[in-house]
Amino acid sequence: MLDIRIPISALFIVVGLLLVGYGVVVPASVDVPVNGTIYTFNLNRDWGAMILLFGIFMGALVRMDKPKSSE
């Protein structure tokens, strides 16, 4: 039977890669003023990296979970 973590990790990896790629190609940034200082963020790239890391983490959980042998 298919472990649900496999398609979930694949989905997050693909979406993360798409967002990171889009964030690199189209560098739309958001300026956030904090205490008189303006910080600039590329939300597509940054959140794409977070989603990609979550997908890799889910994939690592699948690989670390070794099924018990039925012997």
N, C-alpha and C. Protein backbone atom coordinates (compact mmCIF):
# COMPACT_ATOMS: atom_id res chain seq x y z
N MET A 1 0.84 -1.17 0.00
CA MET A 1 0.00 0.00 0.00
C MET A 1 0.89 1.24 0.00
N LEU A 2 0.43 2.27 -0.68
CA LEU A 2 1.21 3.50 -0.82
C LEU A 2 1.16 4.33 0.46
N ASP A 3 2.32 4.71 0.93
CA ASP A 3 2.41 5.57 2.12
C ASP A 3 2.01 6.99 1.70
N ILE A 4 1.12 7.62 2.44
CA ILE A 4 0.58 8.94 2.08
C ILE A 4 1.66 10.01 2.08
N ARG A 5 2.76 9.78 2.80
CA ARG A 5 3.82 10.77 2.86
C ARG A 5 4.57 10.91 1.54
N ILE A 6 4.56 9.87 0.71
CA ILE A 6 5.28 9.92 -0.56
C ILE A 6 4.64 10.94 -1.51
N PRO A 7 3.33 10.86 -1.82
CA PRO A 7 2.76 11.88 -2.71
C PRO A 7 2.72 13.27 -2.08
N ILE A 8 2.56 13.34 -0.75
CA ILE A 8 2.56 14.66 -0.11
C ILE A 8 3.93 15.30 -0.24
N SER A 9 4.99 14.54 0.01
CA SER A 9 6.33 15.12 -0.12
C SER A 9 6.62 15.49 -1.57
N ALA A 10 6.18 14.67 -2.52
CA ALA A 10 6.39 15.01 -3.93
C ALA A 10 5.64 16.28 -4.31
N LEU A 11 4.43 16.45 -3.81
CA LEU A 11 3.65 17.65 -4.09
C LEU A 11 4.35 18.89 -3.54
N PHE A 12 4.80 18.84 -2.30
CA PHE A 12 5.47 19.99 -1.70
C PHE A 12 6.80 20.29 -2.39
N ILE A 13 7.53 19.26 -2.80
CA ILE A 13 8.79 19.48 -3.50
C ILE A 13 8.55 20.17 -4.84
N VAL A 14 7.55 19.70 -5.59
CA VAL A 14 7.26 20.30 -6.89
C VAL A 14 6.79 21.74 -6.74
N VAL A 15 5.87 21.99 -5.82
CA VAL A 15 5.36 23.36 -5.61
C VAL A 15 6.49 24.27 -5.11
N GLY A 16 7.33 23.76 -4.22
CA GLY A 16 8.46 24.55 -3.72
C GLY A 16 9.43 24.90 -4.83
N LEU A 17 9.74 23.94 -5.69
CA LEU A 17 10.64 24.22 -6.80
C LEU A 17 10.04 25.24 -7.77
N LEU A 18 8.74 25.11 -8.03
CA LEU A 18 8.09 26.09 -8.91
C LEU A 18 8.13 27.50 -8.32
N LEU A 19 7.85 27.63 -7.03
CA LEU A 19 7.88 28.95 -6.41
C LEU A 19 9.29 29.53 -6.35
N VAL A 20 10.27 28.71 -6.02
CA VAL A 20 11.65 29.20 -5.99
C VAL A 20 12.08 29.63 -7.39
N GLY A 21 11.77 28.82 -8.39
CA GLY A 21 12.11 29.18 -9.76
C GLY A 21 11.44 30.46 -10.21
N TYR A 22 10.17 30.61 -9.90
CA TYR A 22 9.45 31.83 -10.26
C TYR A 22 10.01 33.03 -9.51
N GLY A 23 10.37 32.84 -8.25
CA GLY A 23 10.94 33.93 -7.47
C GLY A 23 12.30 34.37 -7.97
N VAL A 24 13.06 33.45 -8.55
CA VAL A 24 14.37 33.80 -9.11
C VAL A 24 14.20 34.50 -10.45
N VAL A 25 13.29 34.01 -11.29
CA VAL A 25 13.11 34.58 -12.63
C VAL A 25 12.39 35.92 -12.57
N VAL A 26 11.36 36.03 -11.75
CA VAL A 26 10.58 37.27 -11.63
C VAL A 26 10.78 37.80 -10.21
N PRO A 27 11.81 38.60 -9.99
CA PRO A 27 12.13 39.02 -8.62
C PRO A 27 11.22 40.13 -8.10
N ALA A 28 9.96 39.81 -7.87
CA ALA A 28 9.03 40.77 -7.26
C ALA A 28 9.28 40.76 -5.76
N SER A 29 9.49 41.92 -5.19
CA SER A 29 9.82 41.98 -3.77
C SER A 29 8.81 42.81 -3.02
N VAL A 30 8.77 42.60 -1.71
CA VAL A 30 7.87 43.32 -0.82
C VAL A 30 8.72 44.10 0.16
N ASP A 31 8.43 45.40 0.31
CA ASP A 31 9.14 46.23 1.27
C ASP A 31 8.35 46.28 2.57
N VAL A 32 9.01 45.94 3.68
CA VAL A 32 8.37 45.92 4.98
C VAL A 32 9.09 46.91 5.89
N PRO A 33 8.41 47.99 6.30
CA PRO A 33 9.06 48.94 7.21
C PRO A 33 8.99 48.44 8.66
N VAL A 34 10.15 48.38 9.32
CA VAL A 34 10.22 47.96 10.71
C VAL A 34 11.11 48.96 11.45
N ASN A 35 10.51 49.73 12.35
CA ASN A 35 11.24 50.72 13.16
C ASN A 35 12.09 51.67 12.31
N GLY A 36 11.54 52.14 11.23
CA GLY A 36 12.25 53.10 10.39
C GLY A 36 13.19 52.46 9.37
N THR A 37 13.41 51.17 9.45
CA THR A 37 14.26 50.46 8.50
C THR A 37 13.37 49.68 7.55
N ILE A 38 13.71 49.70 6.28
CA ILE A 38 12.91 48.98 5.29
C ILE A 38 13.63 47.68 4.92
N TYR A 39 12.96 46.56 5.15
CA TYR A 39 13.47 45.26 4.77
C TYR A 39 12.77 44.81 3.50
N THR A 40 13.53 44.25 2.57
CA THR A 40 12.98 43.80 1.30
C THR A 40 13.00 42.28 1.25
N PHE A 41 11.85 41.69 0.95
CA PHE A 41 11.72 40.24 0.88
C PHE A 41 11.19 39.83 -0.49
N ASN A 42 11.70 38.73 -1.01
CA ASN A 42 11.14 38.10 -2.20
C ASN A 42 10.28 36.94 -1.69
N LEU A 43 8.98 37.19 -1.54
CA LEU A 43 8.11 36.21 -0.90
C LEU A 43 8.01 34.90 -1.66
N ASN A 44 7.98 34.95 -2.99
CA ASN A 44 7.89 33.71 -3.76
C ASN A 44 9.11 32.84 -3.53
N ARG A 45 10.28 33.43 -3.60
CA ARG A 45 11.51 32.66 -3.40
C ARG A 45 11.62 32.15 -1.97
N ASP A 46 11.33 33.01 -0.99
CA ASP A 46 11.49 32.63 0.41
C ASP A 46 10.50 31.54 0.83
N TRP A 47 9.22 31.72 0.51
CA TRP A 47 8.23 30.70 0.88
C TRP A 47 8.39 29.44 0.05
N GLY A 48 8.85 29.58 -1.20
CA GLY A 48 9.14 28.40 -2.00
C GLY A 48 10.23 27.56 -1.37
N ALA A 49 11.25 28.22 -0.81
CA ALA A 49 12.32 27.50 -0.13
C ALA A 49 11.79 26.79 1.11
N MET A 50 10.89 27.46 1.85
CA MET A 50 10.32 26.83 3.05
C MET A 50 9.47 25.60 2.67
N ILE A 51 8.66 25.73 1.63
CA ILE A 51 7.83 24.62 1.19
C ILE A 51 8.71 23.48 0.67
N LEU A 52 9.77 23.82 -0.05
CA LEU A 52 10.70 22.82 -0.55
C LEU A 52 11.37 22.07 0.60
N LEU A 53 11.80 22.79 1.62
CA LEU A 53 12.42 22.14 2.79
C LEU A 53 11.43 21.22 3.50
N PHE A 54 10.16 21.63 3.59
CA PHE A 54 9.16 20.77 4.21
C PHE A 54 8.96 19.50 3.38
N GLY A 55 8.94 19.63 2.06
CA GLY A 55 8.81 18.45 1.21
C GLY A 55 9.99 17.51 1.34
N ILE A 56 11.19 18.07 1.45
CA ILE A 56 12.38 17.24 1.65
C ILE A 56 12.32 16.56 3.01
N PHE A 57 11.84 17.28 4.02
CA PHE A 57 11.69 16.70 5.36
C PHE A 57 10.71 15.53 5.34
N MET A 58 9.58 15.71 4.66
CA MET A 58 8.60 14.62 4.56
C MET A 58 9.19 13.42 3.82
N GLY A 59 9.95 13.68 2.76
CA GLY A 59 10.61 12.60 2.04
C GLY A 59 11.64 11.88 2.90
N ALA A 60 12.35 12.64 3.74
CA ALA A 60 13.32 12.02 4.64
C ALA A 60 12.63 11.14 5.67
N LEU A 61 11.45 11.56 6.13
CA LEU A 61 10.70 10.73 7.07
C LEU A 61 10.30 9.40 6.44
N VAL A 62 9.95 9.43 5.17
CA VAL A 62 9.59 8.19 4.47
C VAL A 62 10.80 7.27 4.40
N ARG A 63 11.96 7.84 4.07
CA ARG A 63 13.16 7.00 3.91
C ARG A 63 13.67 6.48 5.26
N MET A 64 13.48 7.25 6.33
CA MET A 64 13.96 6.81 7.64
C MET A 64 13.06 5.75 8.26
N ASP A 65 11.79 5.71 7.87
CA ASP A 65 10.84 4.75 8.43
C ASP A 65 10.98 3.42 7.70
N LYS A 66 11.71 2.52 8.29
CA LYS A 66 11.91 1.21 7.67
C LYS A 66 10.80 0.28 8.14
N PRO A 67 10.10 -0.35 7.21
CA PRO A 67 9.04 -1.28 7.63
C PRO A 67 9.64 -2.52 8.30
N LYS A 68 8.94 -2.99 9.30
CA LYS A 68 9.38 -4.20 10.01
C LYS A 68 9.18 -5.41 9.11
N SER A 69 10.14 -6.30 9.12
CA SER A 69 10.00 -7.50 8.30
C SER A 69 8.95 -8.42 8.93
N SER A 70 8.22 -9.14 8.11
CA SER A 70 7.14 -10.00 8.60
C SER A 70 7.63 -11.39 8.96
N GLU A 71 8.91 -11.57 9.08
CA GLU A 71 9.45 -12.89 9.42
C GLU A 71 9.32 -13.19 10.88
